[in-house]
C-alpha cells in the first residue's frame, strides 16, 4: 500500500494497502511490546478492479519527452496521468489544518505512480480530505475520499518498488489492498513517522518529505498506538495540495 526496511531477520509482514483490519494478520515475527503488532500493517479495504492496458496520458502542462506507458486498472476515464519530466524536481506542498509540509516526487523510481498522483493533485482530488489513519511511531495515512480506508479514485496503477526499498522516516508511499500486486496504488498514501516500520517492499514509493517533517511528526502524535483501526484522536484535514516543478 524482497528486502525489508529498517528491520532484521523475521521483520517481514503481510502488510497490504490500507490499515489494520482484524481479519488480516502479519507473518511470524519476534515478540513485540503490546500494541505494536497491529500498527505494522498498511491495509486498504478490498476494491474490485478491472484490469485494462492503457498508455500514459499527458496533460497540457506535461513536460519532457518520455513515452511513458502505464497499465491502468479500473475506470481509465478517471485517470489523468501527468507525464512529469524526470530531469526536473517536482514537489507537492500539503497544506493541512495542523500546518504544512512538502515532499518531492520520486519520478524516476515510480513514473506511473507519480504521474497519477500529480494528476489527482492537479484536479484538487485531495483538497478537503483527511488523514483517516494515524498510528504514532509508524505512519499517517490519507487520501481516501470515503474517509474510512475503503475509497480511492476509481482506478489504480502499478510501479513495483525496488527490492532494497526501505520505508524510513519521511518516506511517502502508496497504500494498497492485501490482494493487489506489489506497487499498486490508487489515491491513499502514507507518510512514515517511525524509524523501524518493518515493512516489506510492497508499496509504491511516492517521494520523500523535504520540508515540514516537524508538522508530520506532530500529526503523527494524534493517534492511539493501541487502536487497531488507527482512528485519529483529533481530525486533521488536508486543506489543499499544490504541485510545483522546477
Protein backbone atom coordinates (compact mmCIF):
# COMPACT_ATOMS: atom_id res chain seq x y z
CA UNK A 1 0.00 0.00 0.00
CA UNK A 2 12.03 -8.60 -1.11
CA UNK A 3 14.32 -6.54 1.09
CA UNK A 4 12.58 -5.24 4.17
CA UNK A 5 13.05 -1.83 5.52
CA UNK A 6 14.56 -0.96 8.80
CA UNK A 7 14.29 -4.47 10.09
CA UNK A 8 16.38 -7.55 10.62
CA UNK A 9 15.54 -11.21 10.25
CA UNK A 10 11.94 -12.04 10.89
CA UNK A 11 10.82 -8.45 10.23
CA UNK A 12 8.55 -9.33 7.32
CA UNK A 13 4.80 -8.89 7.46
CA UNK A 14 1.89 -9.30 5.11
CA UNK A 15 1.22 -5.59 5.05
CA UNK A 16 -1.27 -4.56 2.44
CA UNK A 17 -2.72 -1.27 1.43
CA UNK A 18 -4.83 0.50 3.98
CA UNK A 19 -4.52 0.00 7.57
CA UNK A 20 -5.26 -2.58 10.13
CA UNK A 21 -8.28 -4.80 9.70
CA UNK A 22 -8.95 -7.56 12.20
CA UNK A 23 -9.01 -10.31 9.60
CA UNK A 24 -5.51 -9.55 8.35
CA UNK A 25 -2.51 -10.95 10.14
CA UNK A 26 1.22 -10.28 9.81
CA UNK A 27 3.57 -13.19 9.27
CA UNK A 28 5.51 -14.66 12.18
CA UNK A 29 7.97 -12.27 13.75
CA UNK A 30 9.78 -11.82 17.08
CA UNK A 31 7.58 -10.81 20.05
CA UNK A 32 6.86 -7.10 20.36
CA UNK A 33 5.60 -4.83 23.06
CA UNK A 34 1.80 -4.59 23.39
CA UNK A 35 0.14 -2.59 20.67
CA UNK A 36 2.95 -2.86 18.13
CA UNK A 37 1.72 -5.82 16.10
CA UNK A 38 -1.35 -4.11 14.74
CA UNK A 39 0.49 -1.00 13.69
CA UNK A 40 2.86 -2.86 11.39
CA UNK A 41 0.26 -3.29 8.68
CA UNK A 42 -0.93 -0.92 5.98
CA UNK A 43 -4.17 -2.26 4.62
CA UNK A 44 -6.75 -0.95 2.23
CA UNK A 45 -10.24 -2.36 2.28
CA UNK A 46 -10.52 -4.55 -0.85
CA UNK A 47 -11.67 -2.85 -4.02
CA UNK A 48 -12.87 -4.71 -7.11
CA UNK A 49 -10.99 -3.52 -10.18
CA UNK A 50 -10.96 -4.45 -13.86
CA UNK A 51 -7.51 -4.74 -15.35
CA UNK A 52 -7.04 -2.94 -18.64
CA UNK A 53 -3.98 -1.79 -20.53
CA UNK A 54 -3.55 1.87 -21.34
CA UNK A 55 -0.82 4.22 -22.42
CA UNK A 56 0.03 7.04 -20.04
CA UNK A 57 -1.92 10.23 -20.72
CA UNK A 58 -0.35 13.64 -20.98
CA UNK A 59 -1.89 16.78 -19.61
CA UNK A 60 -1.46 20.19 -21.21
CA UNK A 61 1.21 21.09 -18.67
CA UNK A 62 3.17 17.87 -19.04
CA UNK A 63 6.85 18.31 -19.77
CA UNK A 64 9.67 16.17 -21.02
CA UNK A 65 9.61 13.77 -23.91
CA UNK A 66 9.22 10.38 -22.27
CA UNK A 67 6.90 7.83 -23.87
CA UNK A 68 5.57 6.67 -20.52
CA UNK A 69 3.12 3.80 -20.66
CA UNK A 70 1.12 2.87 -17.61
CA UNK A 71 -1.25 -0.02 -17.12
CA UNK A 72 -4.46 1.18 -15.53
CA UNK A 73 -6.84 -1.00 -13.55
CA UNK A 74 -10.44 0.14 -13.21
CA UNK A 75 -12.10 3.13 -14.84
CA UNK A 76 -9.38 4.57 -17.06
CA UNK A 77 -11.60 7.55 -17.91
CA UNK A 78 -10.97 8.81 -14.37
CA UNK A 79 -7.20 8.74 -14.79
CA UNK A 80 -5.42 11.95 -15.77
CA UNK A 81 -1.78 10.98 -15.68
CA UNK A 82 0.69 13.84 -15.99
CA UNK A 83 3.91 12.77 -17.69
CA UNK A 84 6.44 14.54 -15.47
CA UNK A 85 9.91 15.42 -16.75
CA UNK A 86 12.24 13.31 -14.62
CA UNK A 87 15.02 15.80 -15.31
CA UNK A 88 13.27 18.32 -13.08
CA UNK A 89 12.26 18.35 -9.43
CA UNK A 90 8.54 18.04 -8.85
CA UNK A 91 7.18 18.74 -5.39
CA UNK A 92 3.82 18.55 -3.65
CA UNK A 93 3.01 21.14 -1.00
CA UNK A 94 0.49 19.78 1.51
CA UNK A 95 -1.43 22.38 3.48
CA UNK A 96 -3.19 20.85 6.48
CA UNK A 97 -5.22 22.04 9.43
CA UNK A 98 -2.14 21.39 11.59
CA UNK A 99 0.50 23.02 9.41
CA UNK A 100 2.22 22.46 6.09
CA UNK A 101 4.77 20.03 4.71
CA UNK A 102 6.32 19.36 1.31
CA UNK A 103 7.58 16.24 -0.40
CA UNK A 104 9.45 15.65 -3.65
CA UNK A 105 8.04 13.13 -6.12
CA UNK A 106 10.12 10.05 -6.98
CA UNK A 107 9.58 10.32 -10.73
CA UNK A 108 12.46 8.04 -11.70
CA UNK A 109 11.58 5.27 -9.25
CA UNK A 110 7.81 5.44 -9.76
CA UNK A 111 6.89 7.19 -13.04
CA UNK A 112 3.31 5.91 -13.22
CA UNK A 113 2.59 6.42 -9.52
CA UNK A 114 3.87 9.99 -9.52
CA UNK A 115 2.11 10.76 -12.82
CA UNK A 116 -1.16 9.52 -11.37
CA UNK A 117 -0.71 11.36 -8.07
CA UNK A 118 0.21 14.58 -9.89
CA UNK A 119 -2.96 14.28 -11.94
CA UNK A 120 -5.05 13.88 -8.80
CA UNK A 121 -3.37 16.88 -7.19
CA UNK A 122 -3.91 18.90 -10.36
CA UNK A 123 -7.67 18.39 -10.21
CA UNK A 124 -7.97 19.04 -6.48
CA UNK A 125 -8.81 15.45 -5.57
CA UNK A 126 -7.17 15.62 -2.13
CA UNK A 127 -8.46 19.04 -1.08
CA UNK A 128 -10.76 18.67 1.91
CA UNK A 129 -9.89 15.03 2.65
CA UNK A 130 -8.47 13.89 5.98
CA UNK A 131 -5.71 11.78 7.46
CA UNK A 132 -8.09 8.98 8.39
CA UNK A 133 -5.46 6.77 9.99
CA UNK A 134 -2.76 7.84 12.43
CA UNK A 135 -0.56 5.35 14.27
CA UNK A 136 2.08 7.02 16.48
CA UNK A 137 5.61 5.97 15.64
CA UNK A 138 4.51 4.34 12.40
CA UNK A 139 2.54 6.30 9.77
CA UNK A 140 -0.07 8.91 9.00
CA UNK A 141 -2.36 7.89 6.14
CA UNK A 142 -4.74 9.92 3.99
CA UNK A 143 -6.12 10.35 0.50
CA UNK A 144 -9.37 8.40 0.93
CA UNK A 145 -12.49 10.24 -0.34
CA UNK A 146 -14.61 7.95 1.88
CA UNK A 147 -12.57 8.81 4.95
CA UNK A 148 -12.59 5.24 6.28
CA UNK A 149 -9.89 3.41 4.33
CA UNK A 150 -12.17 1.97 1.64
CA UNK A 151 -12.10 4.65 -1.04
CA UNK A 152 -9.99 5.63 -4.00
CA UNK A 153 -10.04 7.44 -7.35
CA UNK A 154 -11.76 4.60 -9.21
CA UNK A 155 -8.59 3.29 -10.85
CA UNK A 156 -5.08 2.18 -9.95
CA UNK A 157 -1.61 1.99 -11.48
CA UNK A 158 1.46 -0.09 -10.63
CA UNK A 159 5.13 0.70 -10.00
CA UNK A 160 6.78 -2.24 -8.28
CA UNK A 161 9.28 -0.80 -5.79
CA UNK A 162 12.96 -1.81 -5.86
CA UNK A 163 13.81 -4.84 -3.73
CA UNK A 164 16.06 -2.75 -1.47
CA UNK A 165 13.39 -0.15 -0.69
CA UNK A 166 13.42 0.99 2.92
CA UNK A 167 10.38 2.75 4.36
CA UNK A 168 12.24 5.07 6.68
CA UNK A 169 11.01 8.19 8.45
CA UNK A 170 9.89 10.83 5.97
CA UNK A 171 9.25 8.44 3.09
CA UNK A 172 5.92 8.87 1.32
CA UNK A 173 4.40 5.77 -0.27
CA UNK A 174 1.08 4.43 -1.53
CA UNK A 175 -1.23 2.10 0.37
CA UNK A 176 -2.84 -0.92 -1.31
CA UNK A 177 -5.10 -3.89 -0.64
CA UNK A 178 -3.75 -7.22 0.53
CA UNK A 179 -4.64 -8.88 -2.76
CA UNK A 180 -3.19 -6.22 -5.06
CA UNK A 181 0.21 -6.80 -6.68
CA UNK A 182 3.20 -5.07 -5.13
CA UNK A 183 3.38 -1.42 -6.11
CA UNK A 184 -0.33 -0.98 -6.81
CA UNK A 185 -1.67 2.47 -5.96
CA UNK A 186 -4.86 4.49 -6.09
CA UNK A 187 -5.09 7.67 -4.04
CA UNK A 188 -4.39 6.58 -0.46
CA UNK A 189 -0.88 7.45 0.65
CA UNK A 190 1.08 7.29 3.88
CA UNK A 191 3.99 9.18 5.38
CA UNK A 192 6.34 7.20 7.61
CA UNK A 193 6.83 8.72 11.06
CA UNK A 194 8.79 5.91 12.73
CA UNK A 195 12.37 4.70 12.42
CA UNK A 196 11.52 0.99 12.23
CA UNK A 197 8.45 0.11 10.16
CA UNK A 198 9.44 -3.47 9.37
CA UNK A 199 7.55 -3.18 6.07
CA UNK A 200 8.48 -5.28 3.07
CA UNK A 201 8.92 -3.53 -0.32
CA UNK A 202 5.31 -3.87 -1.46
CA UNK A 203 4.27 -0.22 -1.52
CA UNK A 204 4.93 2.10 -4.44
CA UNK A 205 7.30 4.88 -3.46
CA UNK A 206 5.79 8.31 -4.00
CA UNK A 207 8.51 10.56 -2.62
CA UNK A 208 10.19 11.93 0.47
CA UNK A 209 9.40 14.80 2.82
CA UNK A 210 11.79 17.71 2.21
CA UNK A 211 10.23 20.34 4.44
CA UNK A 212 7.87 20.35 7.41
CA UNK A 213 8.73 16.95 8.88
CA UNK A 214 8.06 18.50 12.27
CA UNK A 215 4.46 19.04 11.16
CA UNK A 216 4.21 15.42 10.02
CA UNK A 217 5.52 14.25 13.39
CA UNK A 218 3.03 16.44 15.23
CA UNK A 219 0.18 14.97 13.19
CA UNK A 220 1.63 11.54 13.91
CA UNK A 221 1.02 12.04 17.62
CA UNK A 222 -2.73 12.44 17.14
CA UNK A 223 -3.48 8.73 17.33
CA UNK A 224 -3.57 5.78 19.71
CA UNK A 225 -0.89 3.13 19.10
CA UNK A 226 -3.16 0.51 20.70
CA UNK A 227 -6.12 1.24 18.43
CA UNK A 228 -6.16 -1.34 15.58
CA UNK A 229 -8.14 1.00 13.33
CA UNK A 230 -5.71 3.87 13.73
CA UNK A 231 -8.60 6.26 14.31
CA UNK A 232 -7.22 9.78 14.91
CA UNK A 233 -7.79 11.34 18.30
CA UNK A 234 -8.25 14.65 16.52
CA UNK A 235 -9.43 15.39 12.97
CA UNK A 236 -6.67 16.51 10.60
CA UNK A 237 -7.77 17.92 7.25
CA UNK A 238 -5.81 18.25 4.03
CA UNK A 239 -6.86 21.77 3.12
CA UNK A 240 -5.03 21.86 -0.19
CA UNK A 241 -2.29 20.19 -2.22
CA UNK A 242 -0.26 22.06 -4.83
CA UNK A 243 2.13 20.69 -7.45
CA UNK A 244 5.25 22.67 -8.36
CA UNK A 245 8.07 21.92 -10.79
CA UNK A 246 11.50 23.42 -11.16
